[in-house]
């Protein structure tokens, strides 16, 4: 992971993480079926990372330039209630999100990969990029994942925030506690 100066200090203030979709939550490919149906491959590790962020009290949102049913479905699955689709200029959605949540720029992280993401990345407190982001986006990011979009980059970057905020070790420890058999009795039917 590439971490620039001030990234750790910025990560400690984060309360909201905004995600791009194509090239960040997915690999950026557009998969079209025989009848024109659209497919988007999402990564399960990214999904668990988002779930863990919610467990830690962090908020998440999506701002994407494209419109798709698949994004709405995945957002519902992950309990991401703030979803803005079809925004070729993402600044309007970003300003609406700030008004709705009350968060300030320095309390917001944004994970992007392409030029369409730059206007928001230049405003937020913690601009972050996937490994295969375009060079200009990488240049304006404080943290760059070693993972490419759709291949665990979101999880990687979220873990950086968790560690910066001192919540990672307790999170891992919560998965190391064995579950007693009697606690699972109702599940074993």
Protein backbone atom coordinates (compact mmCIF):
# COMPACT_ATOMS: atom_id res chain seq x y z
CA UNK A 1 0.00 0.00 0.00
CA UNK A 2 1.26 3.44 -0.88
CA UNK A 3 0.67 5.89 1.97
CA UNK A 4 1.49 9.57 1.60
CA UNK A 5 2.17 12.11 4.33
CA UNK A 6 -0.86 13.24 6.33
CA UNK A 7 -2.83 10.10 5.39
CA UNK A 8 -2.80 8.65 8.91
CA UNK A 9 -3.88 11.94 10.49
CA UNK A 10 -6.64 12.35 7.88
CA UNK A 11 -7.87 8.76 8.35
CA UNK A 12 -8.40 9.30 12.08
CA UNK A 13 -11.09 11.91 11.33
CA UNK A 14 -13.11 9.85 8.83
CA UNK A 15 -16.80 9.22 9.52
CA UNK A 16 -18.07 8.68 5.96
CA UNK A 17 -16.54 6.69 3.11
CA UNK A 18 -17.84 7.38 -0.40
CA UNK A 19 -17.30 4.71 -3.02
CA UNK A 20 -17.24 4.88 -6.79
CA UNK A 21 -18.51 1.69 -8.44
CA UNK A 22 -17.02 0.90 -11.86
CA UNK A 23 -13.32 0.33 -11.40
CA UNK A 24 -13.55 0.49 -7.58
CA UNK A 25 -16.27 -1.88 -6.33
CA UNK A 26 -16.01 -3.73 -9.66
CA UNK A 27 -13.12 -4.44 -11.99
CA UNK A 28 -14.35 -1.75 -14.37
CA UNK A 29 -15.51 -4.25 -16.98
CA UNK A 30 -18.98 -4.01 -18.43
CA UNK A 31 -20.31 -7.51 -19.00
CA UNK A 32 -23.25 -7.68 -21.39
CA UNK A 33 -25.22 -10.87 -21.86
CA UNK A 34 -26.70 -12.25 -25.05
CA UNK A 35 -29.98 -10.37 -24.52
CA UNK A 36 -28.39 -7.12 -23.40
CA UNK A 37 -28.47 -7.91 -19.69
CA UNK A 38 -25.75 -6.23 -17.66
CA UNK A 39 -23.50 -8.01 -15.15
CA UNK A 40 -21.17 -6.46 -12.59
CA UNK A 41 -18.73 -8.59 -10.58
CA UNK A 42 -18.55 -7.41 -6.96
CA UNK A 43 -15.96 -8.69 -4.47
CA UNK A 44 -17.13 -10.42 -1.27
CA UNK A 45 -14.15 -9.13 0.74
CA UNK A 46 -15.11 -5.57 -0.18
CA UNK A 47 -18.64 -6.39 0.98
CA UNK A 48 -17.44 -7.66 4.35
CA UNK A 49 -15.24 -4.59 4.72
CA UNK A 50 -18.26 -2.35 4.20
CA UNK A 51 -20.25 -4.40 6.73
CA UNK A 52 -17.39 -4.06 9.23
CA UNK A 53 -17.27 -0.30 8.64
CA UNK A 54 -20.96 -0.09 9.54
CA UNK A 55 -20.36 -2.22 12.64
CA UNK A 56 -17.72 0.31 13.71
CA UNK A 57 -20.13 3.21 13.25
CA UNK A 58 -18.73 4.50 9.97
CA UNK A 59 -21.17 5.52 7.23
CA UNK A 60 -20.82 4.56 3.59
CA UNK A 61 -22.26 5.99 0.39
CA UNK A 62 -22.04 5.39 -3.35
CA UNK A 63 -21.68 8.04 -6.03
CA UNK A 64 -21.42 6.60 -9.53
CA UNK A 65 -21.57 7.98 -13.02
CA UNK A 66 -23.55 5.06 -14.42
CA UNK A 67 -27.10 3.95 -13.62
CA UNK A 68 -27.75 0.24 -12.99
CA UNK A 69 -30.11 -2.07 -11.15
CA UNK A 70 -27.12 -4.14 -10.08
CA UNK A 71 -25.66 -1.26 -8.07
CA UNK A 72 -29.00 -0.60 -6.35
CA UNK A 73 -29.30 -4.31 -5.50
CA UNK A 74 -25.74 -4.57 -4.12
CA UNK A 75 -26.18 -1.36 -2.11
CA UNK A 76 -29.35 -2.78 -0.50
CA UNK A 77 -27.51 -6.02 0.29
CA UNK A 78 -24.78 -4.04 2.06
CA UNK A 79 -27.13 -1.59 3.79
CA UNK A 80 -25.73 1.40 1.94
CA UNK A 81 -28.65 3.80 2.01
CA UNK A 82 -26.98 6.80 0.36
CA UNK A 83 -26.73 5.89 -3.32
CA UNK A 84 -26.38 8.42 -6.13
CA UNK A 85 -26.40 6.96 -9.65
CA UNK A 86 -26.14 8.54 -13.08
CA UNK A 87 -23.98 11.46 -11.97
CA UNK A 88 -21.50 12.39 -14.69
CA UNK A 89 -20.63 15.44 -12.55
CA UNK A 90 -20.40 13.98 -9.06
CA UNK A 91 -20.12 17.35 -7.27
CA UNK A 92 -23.88 17.88 -7.04
CA UNK A 93 -24.39 14.47 -5.43
CA UNK A 94 -21.46 15.12 -3.08
CA UNK A 95 -22.90 18.46 -1.93
CA UNK A 96 -26.33 16.88 -1.42
CA UNK A 97 -24.76 14.07 0.60
CA UNK A 98 -22.87 16.55 2.80
CA UNK A 99 -26.07 18.52 3.46
CA UNK A 100 -28.00 15.35 4.28
CA UNK A 101 -25.36 13.83 6.59
CA UNK A 102 -23.88 16.98 8.09
CA UNK A 103 -20.33 15.71 7.60
CA UNK A 104 -17.56 18.14 6.72
CA UNK A 105 -15.00 17.53 3.95
CA UNK A 106 -12.30 16.50 6.43
CA UNK A 107 -14.59 13.77 7.83
CA UNK A 108 -15.07 12.16 4.42
CA UNK A 109 -12.96 9.67 2.46
CA UNK A 110 -13.52 8.95 -1.23
CA UNK A 111 -12.26 5.90 -3.13
CA UNK A 112 -11.90 6.48 -6.85
CA UNK A 113 -10.10 5.34 -9.96
CA UNK A 114 -10.71 7.73 -12.87
CA UNK A 115 -10.92 11.39 -13.84
CA UNK A 116 -14.65 11.62 -13.09
CA UNK A 117 -13.74 11.09 -9.40
CA UNK A 118 -11.22 13.95 -9.17
CA UNK A 119 -13.59 16.83 -8.33
CA UNK A 120 -14.66 15.05 -5.12
CA UNK A 121 -11.23 13.65 -4.36
CA UNK A 122 -9.86 17.20 -4.33
CA UNK A 123 -12.45 18.20 -1.69
CA UNK A 124 -12.45 15.31 0.79
CA UNK A 125 -10.15 14.87 3.74
CA UNK A 126 -8.91 11.46 2.60
CA UNK A 127 -8.72 10.81 -1.15
CA UNK A 128 -7.92 7.15 -1.86
CA UNK A 129 -7.34 5.13 -5.03
CA UNK A 130 -7.26 1.56 -6.26
CA UNK A 131 -3.96 0.20 -7.63
CA UNK A 132 -5.05 0.47 -11.26
CA UNK A 133 -6.40 4.01 -11.02
CA UNK A 134 -5.31 6.41 -13.74
CA UNK A 135 -2.04 8.23 -12.96
CA UNK A 136 -3.70 11.60 -12.27
CA UNK A 137 -6.01 10.05 -9.67
CA UNK A 138 -3.10 8.23 -8.05
CA UNK A 139 -1.18 11.52 -7.93
CA UNK A 140 -4.01 13.18 -5.95
CA UNK A 141 -4.54 10.27 -3.51
CA UNK A 142 -3.15 10.07 0.00
CA UNK A 143 -3.53 6.27 0.07
CA UNK A 144 -3.29 3.84 -2.86
CA UNK A 145 -4.25 0.20 -2.43
CA UNK A 146 -2.05 -2.62 -3.67
CA UNK A 147 -5.25 -4.23 -4.99
CA UNK A 148 -7.00 -3.37 -8.23
CA UNK A 149 -10.62 -2.32 -8.46
CA UNK A 150 -13.07 -5.17 -7.88
CA UNK A 151 -10.32 -7.31 -6.35
CA UNK A 152 -10.33 -6.30 -2.68
CA UNK A 153 -9.13 -2.69 -3.00
CA UNK A 154 -12.05 -1.28 -1.01
CA UNK A 155 -11.41 -3.78 1.79
CA UNK A 156 -7.71 -2.93 1.75
CA UNK A 157 -8.38 0.80 2.02
CA UNK A 158 -11.06 0.34 4.70
CA UNK A 159 -8.61 -1.67 6.78
CA UNK A 160 -6.19 1.26 6.59
CA UNK A 161 -8.91 3.50 8.08
CA UNK A 162 -9.78 0.92 10.77
CA UNK A 163 -6.12 0.62 11.77
CA UNK A 164 -5.65 4.40 11.79
CA UNK A 165 -8.68 4.76 14.05
CA UNK A 166 -7.46 2.01 16.38
CA UNK A 167 -10.41 -0.33 15.80
CA UNK A 168 -8.79 -3.07 13.73
CA UNK A 169 -7.30 -5.19 16.52
CA UNK A 170 -10.60 -5.37 18.43
CA UNK A 171 -12.42 -6.20 15.20
CA UNK A 172 -10.08 -9.10 14.49
CA UNK A 173 -10.29 -10.26 18.11
CA UNK A 174 -14.09 -10.44 17.85
CA UNK A 175 -13.68 -13.11 15.15
CA UNK A 176 -11.22 -15.13 17.24
CA UNK A 177 -13.61 -15.82 20.10
CA UNK A 178 -14.98 -19.37 19.84
CA UNK A 179 -18.75 -19.71 19.83
CA UNK A 180 -20.16 -22.03 22.49
CA UNK A 181 -22.17 -24.97 21.22
CA UNK A 182 -25.26 -24.03 23.23
CA UNK A 183 -25.27 -20.55 21.63
CA UNK A 184 -25.59 -22.21 18.25
CA UNK A 185 -28.18 -24.82 19.28
CA UNK A 186 -30.98 -22.96 17.52
CA UNK A 187 -28.97 -22.77 14.31
CA UNK A 188 -28.24 -26.49 14.09
CA UNK A 189 -31.74 -27.66 13.18
